[in-house]
């Protein structure tokens, strides 16, 4: 038994096409569709009620009252524990043919405990901005490690909940997404899937990449803004400073001394790149924004004790 879990928030208009594409999937085992509605203010409940009555693999939905992606994902995990496997994808995506079959093949024949697949960013009906280079697509959740499957053994090839499947046995000892990395609504930041991936690496979980397990990710126009990338990295830096960055040696108000000159050098480099018209300035500015976030995060850690 397989549960396909999708957390949704205010995207009722996308759900009919998503459910239709999931029901059209060929899958060697029985599967159900699980939608976790996170207090949507549009007509999500009405749309899901109608879709649940249609033919095909069964659809059930629940409403998670705690706001944010982490409570929603953890609710999906709880709801899926009766299944052997759970597949996560997002409500702004469409699965390509063979996606579920590839996931099941990796979990059963290849005996993977976790498998992630390709995520292809789509800009239709919007045009891709000229400043958005290929090196930035990963920050829009794109995942593409080439045409061949392989075992994931380190952090250099992460897979995300935009397209990932797990054996539910992994969660029966209490493993869940980290609430500290929650993201609400259309906020930026988060990082709950990064922390889950790191936790699985630390546990030595057998993880597989399957390029034939593929989805298309449709990017909303509000995300195609330079400031969004800067805000994202700043928020990630704050969380790293709060909870993950080792603090030792000399500090000022809890902030390691080395962060100040490091951040200043990065900021100066960004200014120099702007003045000389050098390319990839946004990527450098994102790094500087992340360093600023770490300063703020370590200061907050110190202030809050």
Protein backbone atom coordinates (compact mmCIF):
# COMPACT_ATOMS: atom_id res chain seq x y z
CA UNK A 1 0.00 0.00 0.00
CA UNK A 2 1.27 3.45 -1.00
CA UNK A 3 0.05 6.87 0.14
CA UNK A 4 0.70 9.87 -2.09
CA UNK A 5 0.67 12.88 0.25
CA UNK A 6 0.27 16.49 -0.87
CA UNK A 7 0.12 19.44 1.54
CA UNK A 8 -1.94 22.28 0.11
CA UNK A 9 -2.62 25.91 0.96
CA UNK A 10 -4.81 28.24 -1.11
CA UNK A 11 -4.22 26.52 -4.45
CA UNK A 12 -7.66 25.13 -5.16
CA UNK A 13 -7.38 26.00 -8.84
CA UNK A 14 -4.39 23.67 -9.28
CA UNK A 15 -5.87 20.63 -7.55
CA UNK A 16 -8.08 19.15 -10.33
CA UNK A 17 -5.15 18.84 -12.76
CA UNK A 18 -2.87 17.49 -10.03
CA UNK A 19 -5.35 14.84 -8.88
CA UNK A 20 -6.12 13.84 -12.48
CA UNK A 21 -2.39 13.40 -13.22
CA UNK A 22 -1.90 11.33 -10.07
CA UNK A 23 -4.88 9.12 -10.87
CA UNK A 24 -3.49 8.53 -14.37
CA UNK A 25 -0.26 7.09 -12.95
CA UNK A 26 0.55 3.45 -13.51
CA UNK A 27 1.53 1.87 -10.21
CA UNK A 28 2.28 -1.80 -9.49
CA UNK A 29 0.69 -1.63 -6.04
CA UNK A 30 -2.52 -0.18 -4.61
CA UNK A 31 -2.26 3.51 -3.78
CA UNK A 32 -4.35 6.27 -2.27
CA UNK A 33 -4.19 10.06 -2.49
CA UNK A 34 -3.96 12.06 0.73
CA UNK A 35 -4.44 15.83 0.72
CA UNK A 36 -3.55 17.80 3.85
CA UNK A 37 -5.39 21.12 3.78
CA UNK A 38 -3.58 23.69 5.92
CA UNK A 39 -6.43 26.11 6.70
CA UNK A 40 -6.86 27.25 3.10
CA UNK A 41 -9.02 30.35 2.78
CA UNK A 42 -10.16 29.62 -0.78
CA UNK A 43 -12.55 26.85 -1.89
CA UNK A 44 -10.05 24.02 -1.37
CA UNK A 45 -12.45 21.96 0.76
CA UNK A 46 -15.23 22.18 -1.82
CA UNK A 47 -12.88 21.23 -4.65
CA UNK A 48 -11.46 18.27 -2.72
CA UNK A 49 -14.95 17.10 -1.78
CA UNK A 50 -15.89 16.93 -5.44
CA UNK A 51 -12.63 15.25 -6.46
CA UNK A 52 -13.03 12.61 -3.75
CA UNK A 53 -16.29 11.50 -5.38
CA UNK A 54 -14.69 10.86 -8.77
CA UNK A 55 -13.55 7.47 -10.04
CA UNK A 56 -10.00 6.24 -9.71
CA UNK A 57 -7.62 5.68 -6.81
CA UNK A 58 -9.31 6.86 -3.60
CA UNK A 59 -8.79 10.41 -2.40
CA UNK A 60 -9.13 11.44 1.23
CA UNK A 61 -8.33 14.77 2.80
CA UNK A 62 -7.81 16.17 6.27
CA UNK A 63 -7.43 19.71 7.61
CA UNK A 64 -4.38 20.51 9.72
CA UNK A 65 -5.21 23.42 12.03
CA UNK A 66 -1.62 24.25 13.02
CA UNK A 67 -0.34 26.66 10.40
CA UNK A 68 2.78 25.84 8.42
CA UNK A 69 4.48 23.30 6.24
CA UNK A 70 6.00 21.33 9.14
CA UNK A 71 2.70 20.60 10.93
CA UNK A 72 1.21 19.71 7.55
CA UNK A 73 4.01 17.30 6.60
CA UNK A 74 3.97 15.69 10.04
CA UNK A 75 0.19 15.29 9.83
CA UNK A 76 0.68 13.56 6.48
CA UNK A 77 3.24 11.22 8.05
CA UNK A 78 0.82 10.36 10.87
CA UNK A 79 -2.00 9.73 8.41
CA UNK A 80 0.20 7.50 6.21
CA UNK A 81 1.63 5.22 8.91
CA UNK A 82 -0.83 2.48 7.94
CA UNK A 83 0.76 2.30 4.48
CA UNK A 84 4.06 0.69 3.56
CA UNK A 85 5.29 3.75 1.68
CA UNK A 86 4.54 7.47 1.47
CA UNK A 87 5.35 9.71 -1.48
CA UNK A 88 5.52 13.47 -0.96
CA UNK A 89 5.07 16.09 -3.64
CA UNK A 90 3.78 19.68 -3.62
CA UNK A 91 0.54 21.27 -4.74
CA UNK A 92 2.27 23.41 -7.41
CA UNK A 93 3.55 20.38 -9.28
CA UNK A 94 2.46 17.73 -11.78
CA UNK A 95 3.87 14.19 -11.85
CA UNK A 96 5.29 12.93 -15.14
CA UNK A 97 4.32 9.46 -16.42
CA UNK A 98 6.09 6.65 -14.57
CA UNK A 99 6.77 8.69 -11.43
CA UNK A 100 5.01 6.34 -8.98
CA UNK A 101 6.22 3.19 -10.75
CA UNK A 102 9.83 4.38 -10.44
CA UNK A 103 9.37 5.14 -6.75
CA UNK A 104 7.91 1.71 -6.01
CA UNK A 105 10.63 0.00 -8.05
CA UNK A 106 13.34 1.71 -6.01
CA UNK A 107 11.64 0.95 -2.69
CA UNK A 108 10.81 -2.67 -3.43
CA UNK A 109 13.19 -4.12 -6.03
CA UNK A 110 16.23 -1.98 -5.12
CA UNK A 111 15.35 -2.07 -1.40
CA UNK A 112 15.83 1.66 -0.88
CA UNK A 113 14.42 3.20 2.28
CA UNK A 114 14.14 6.64 0.72
CA UNK A 115 14.12 7.63 -2.94
CA UNK A 116 14.08 11.06 -4.55
CA UNK A 117 13.56 12.02 -8.15
CA UNK A 118 13.99 14.76 -10.69
CA UNK A 119 12.20 18.08 -10.20
CA UNK A 120 11.99 20.17 -13.37
CA UNK A 121 11.19 23.87 -12.93
CA UNK A 122 8.53 25.21 -15.32
CA UNK A 123 7.89 28.90 -15.90
CA UNK A 124 4.75 28.72 -18.06
CA UNK A 125 2.80 30.90 -18.56
CA UNK A 126 5.50 33.28 -17.33
CA UNK A 127 8.83 33.94 -18.98
CA UNK A 128 12.05 33.02 -17.26
CA UNK A 129 13.85 36.20 -16.13
CA UNK A 130 17.10 36.86 -17.96
CA UNK A 131 18.97 37.22 -14.66
CA UNK A 132 17.90 33.76 -13.45
CA UNK A 133 20.89 31.57 -14.29
CA UNK A 134 20.96 27.79 -14.13
CA UNK A 135 22.98 27.96 -10.91
CA UNK A 136 19.94 29.48 -9.17
CA UNK A 137 17.35 26.89 -10.21
CA UNK A 138 18.13 24.67 -7.24
CA UNK A 139 16.77 27.44 -5.00
CA UNK A 140 13.45 26.99 -6.80
CA UNK A 141 13.55 23.28 -5.86
CA UNK A 142 14.94 21.99 -9.16
CA UNK A 143 16.72 18.64 -8.79
CA UNK A 144 18.55 17.04 -11.71
CA UNK A 145 21.60 14.86 -11.19
CA UNK A 146 21.75 13.39 -14.68
CA UNK A 147 20.21 10.41 -16.50
CA UNK A 148 21.51 7.58 -14.33
CA UNK A 149 20.22 6.31 -10.97
CA UNK A 150 22.65 6.12 -8.05
CA UNK A 151 22.88 5.65 -4.30
CA UNK A 152 23.03 8.85 -2.27
CA UNK A 153 25.85 8.66 0.26
CA UNK A 154 26.59 12.27 1.19
CA UNK A 155 25.12 15.77 1.28
CA UNK A 156 26.28 16.73 -2.22
CA UNK A 157 23.16 15.30 -3.91
CA UNK A 158 20.18 16.09 -1.67
CA UNK A 159 16.58 15.21 -2.47
CA UNK A 160 13.61 17.27 -1.34
CA UNK A 161 9.97 16.74 -0.42
CA UNK A 162 9.02 18.25 -3.79
CA UNK A 163 9.47 14.66 -4.99
CA UNK A 164 10.53 12.04 -2.48
CA UNK A 165 9.28 8.69 -1.18
CA UNK A 166 9.93 6.93 2.13
CA UNK A 167 9.33 3.62 3.76
CA UNK A 168 6.91 4.57 6.53
CA UNK A 169 8.87 2.30 8.89
CA UNK A 170 11.38 5.17 9.11
CA UNK A 171 8.81 7.24 10.99
CA UNK A 172 7.50 4.64 13.42
CA UNK A 173 10.15 5.48 16.04
CA UNK A 174 9.02 9.11 16.20
CA UNK A 175 11.14 10.66 13.43
CA UNK A 176 9.36 13.78 12.17
CA UNK A 177 10.06 17.05 10.38
CA UNK A 178 11.71 19.61 12.67
CA UNK A 179 9.21 22.22 13.88
CA UNK A 180 11.97 24.83 14.25
CA UNK A 181 12.19 25.01 10.46
CA UNK A 182 8.54 25.71 9.86
CA UNK A 183 7.33 28.01 7.09
CA UNK A 184 3.85 29.52 7.03
CA UNK A 185 1.82 30.45 3.98
CA UNK A 186 3.88 32.20 1.32
CA UNK A 187 6.72 32.97 3.67
CA UNK A 188 10.32 32.27 2.72
CA UNK A 189 12.80 30.09 4.52
CA UNK A 190 11.79 26.80 6.02
CA UNK A 191 14.43 24.15 5.55
CA UNK A 192 12.48 21.27 7.09
CA UNK A 193 13.31 18.97 4.17
CA UNK A 194 17.02 19.83 4.46
CA UNK A 195 16.98 18.78 8.10
CA UNK A 196 15.09 15.58 7.30
CA UNK A 197 17.62 14.72 4.59
CA UNK A 198 20.50 15.34 7.01
CA UNK A 199 18.82 13.20 9.68
CA UNK A 200 18.47 10.32 7.22
CA UNK A 201 22.14 10.64 6.23
CA UNK A 202 23.16 10.50 9.89
CA UNK A 203 21.06 7.37 10.38
CA UNK A 204 22.70 5.65 7.42
CA UNK A 205 19.39 5.27 5.58
CA UNK A 206 19.63 3.67 2.12
CA UNK A 207 18.77 6.56 -0.21
CA UNK A 208 18.41 6.35 -3.96
CA UNK A 209 18.13 8.89 -6.78
CA UNK A 210 15.88 7.88 -9.67
CA UNK A 211 15.75 10.27 -12.65
CA UNK A 212 12.66 8.47 -14.00
CA UNK A 213 10.77 9.53 -10.86
CA UNK A 214 10.02 13.02 -12.14
CA UNK A 215 7.70 15.95 -11.53
CA UNK A 216 7.25 19.40 -13.03
CA UNK A 217 7.31 22.31 -10.61
CA UNK A 218 5.43 25.43 -11.67
CA UNK A 219 6.94 28.57 -10.18
CA UNK A 220 4.65 31.43 -9.19
CA UNK A 221 5.66 34.93 -10.36
CA UNK A 222 6.16 36.31 -6.84
CA UNK A 223 9.09 33.92 -6.41
CA UNK A 224 10.81 35.23 -9.56
CA UNK A 225 12.21 38.26 -7.81
CA UNK A 226 15.80 38.91 -6.75
CA UNK A 227 14.75 40.05 -3.29
CA UNK A 228 13.02 36.71 -2.74
CA UNK A 229 16.35 34.91 -3.15
CA UNK A 230 18.03 37.32 -0.73
CA UNK A 231 15.25 36.94 1.85
CA UNK A 232 15.44 33.17 1.53
CA UNK A 233 19.15 33.08 2.26
CA UNK A 234 18.87 35.59 5.09
CA UNK A 235 16.15 33.46 6.74
CA UNK A 236 18.26 30.32 6.33
CA UNK A 237 21.24 32.11 7.87
CA UNK A 238 19.19 33.21 10.88
CA UNK A 239 18.05 29.63 11.52
CA UNK A 240 21.57 28.29 11.09
CA UNK A 241 22.85 30.83 13.62
CA UNK A 242 20.04 30.03 16.05
CA UNK A 243 20.33 26.27 16.09
CA UNK A 244 23.17 24.81 14.04
CA UNK A 245 26.27 27.02 13.95
CA UNK A 246 28.93 25.94 16.48
CA UNK A 247 29.91 28.90 18.66
CA UNK A 248 33.36 28.82 20.26
CA UNK A 249 36.29 31.11 20.81
CA UNK A 250 35.96 34.88 20.99
CA UNK A 251 32.46 36.31 20.60
CA UNK A 252 30.69 39.64 20.77
CA UNK A 253 27.16 39.39 22.18
CA UNK A 254 27.22 35.74 21.28
CA UNK A 255 28.37 36.31 17.69
CA UNK A 256 31.69 34.65 16.76
CA UNK A 257 34.24 37.32 15.88
CA UNK A 258 35.10 35.70 12.54
CA UNK A 259 31.58 36.34 11.22
CA UNK A 260 32.07 40.13 11.17
CA UNK A 261 35.08 40.36 8.81
CA UNK A 262 33.75 37.42 6.80
CA UNK A 263 30.43 39.18 6.19
CA UNK A 264 32.13 42.49 5.47
CA UNK A 265 34.39 40.89 2.84
CA UNK A 266 31.40 39.35 1.14
CA UNK A 267 29.50 42.64 1.15
CA UNK A 268 32.50 44.49 -0.33
CA UNK A 269 32.80 41.83 -3.00
CA UNK A 270 29.14 42.29 -3.94
CA UNK A 271 29.60 46.07 -4.26
CA UNK A 272 32.70 45.58 -6.40
CA UNK A 273 30.87 43.15 -8.67
CA UNK A 274 28.01 45.61 -9.12
CA UNK A 275 30.35 48.50 -9.93
CA UNK A 276 32.35 46.48 -12.46
CA UNK A 277 29.34 44.81 -14.05
CA UNK A 278 30.55 41.29 -13.30
CA UNK A 279 28.11 38.37 -13.71
CA UNK A 280 26.60 36.18 -10.98
CA UNK A 281 26.36 39.09 -8.57
CA UNK A 282 23.06 37.81 -7.20
CA UNK A 283 24.63 34.53 -6.16
CA UNK A 284 27.34 36.42 -4.29
CA UNK A 285 24.75 38.69 -2.68
CA UNK A 286 22.84 35.62 -1.50
CA UNK A 287 25.97 34.39 0.25
CA UNK A 288 26.43 37.77 1.94
CA UNK A 289 22.77 37.76 3.00
CA UNK A 290 23.24 34.31 4.53
CA UNK A 291 26.21 35.58 6.57
CA UNK A 292 24.16 38.53 7.82
CA UNK A 293 21.47 36.09 8.87
CA UNK A 294 23.98 34.01 10.84
CA UNK A 295 25.07 37.12 12.75
CA UNK A 296 21.46 37.87 13.65
CA UNK A 297 20.77 34.23 14.51
CA UNK A 298 23.75 33.82 16.86
CA UNK A 299 22.88 37.13 18.52
CA UNK A 300 19.32 35.92 19.08
CA UNK A 301 20.66 32.66 20.53
CA UNK A 302 22.81 34.63 22.97
CA UNK A 303 20.01 37.03 23.89
CA UNK A 304 17.53 34.22 24.48
CA UNK A 305 20.01 32.20 26.48
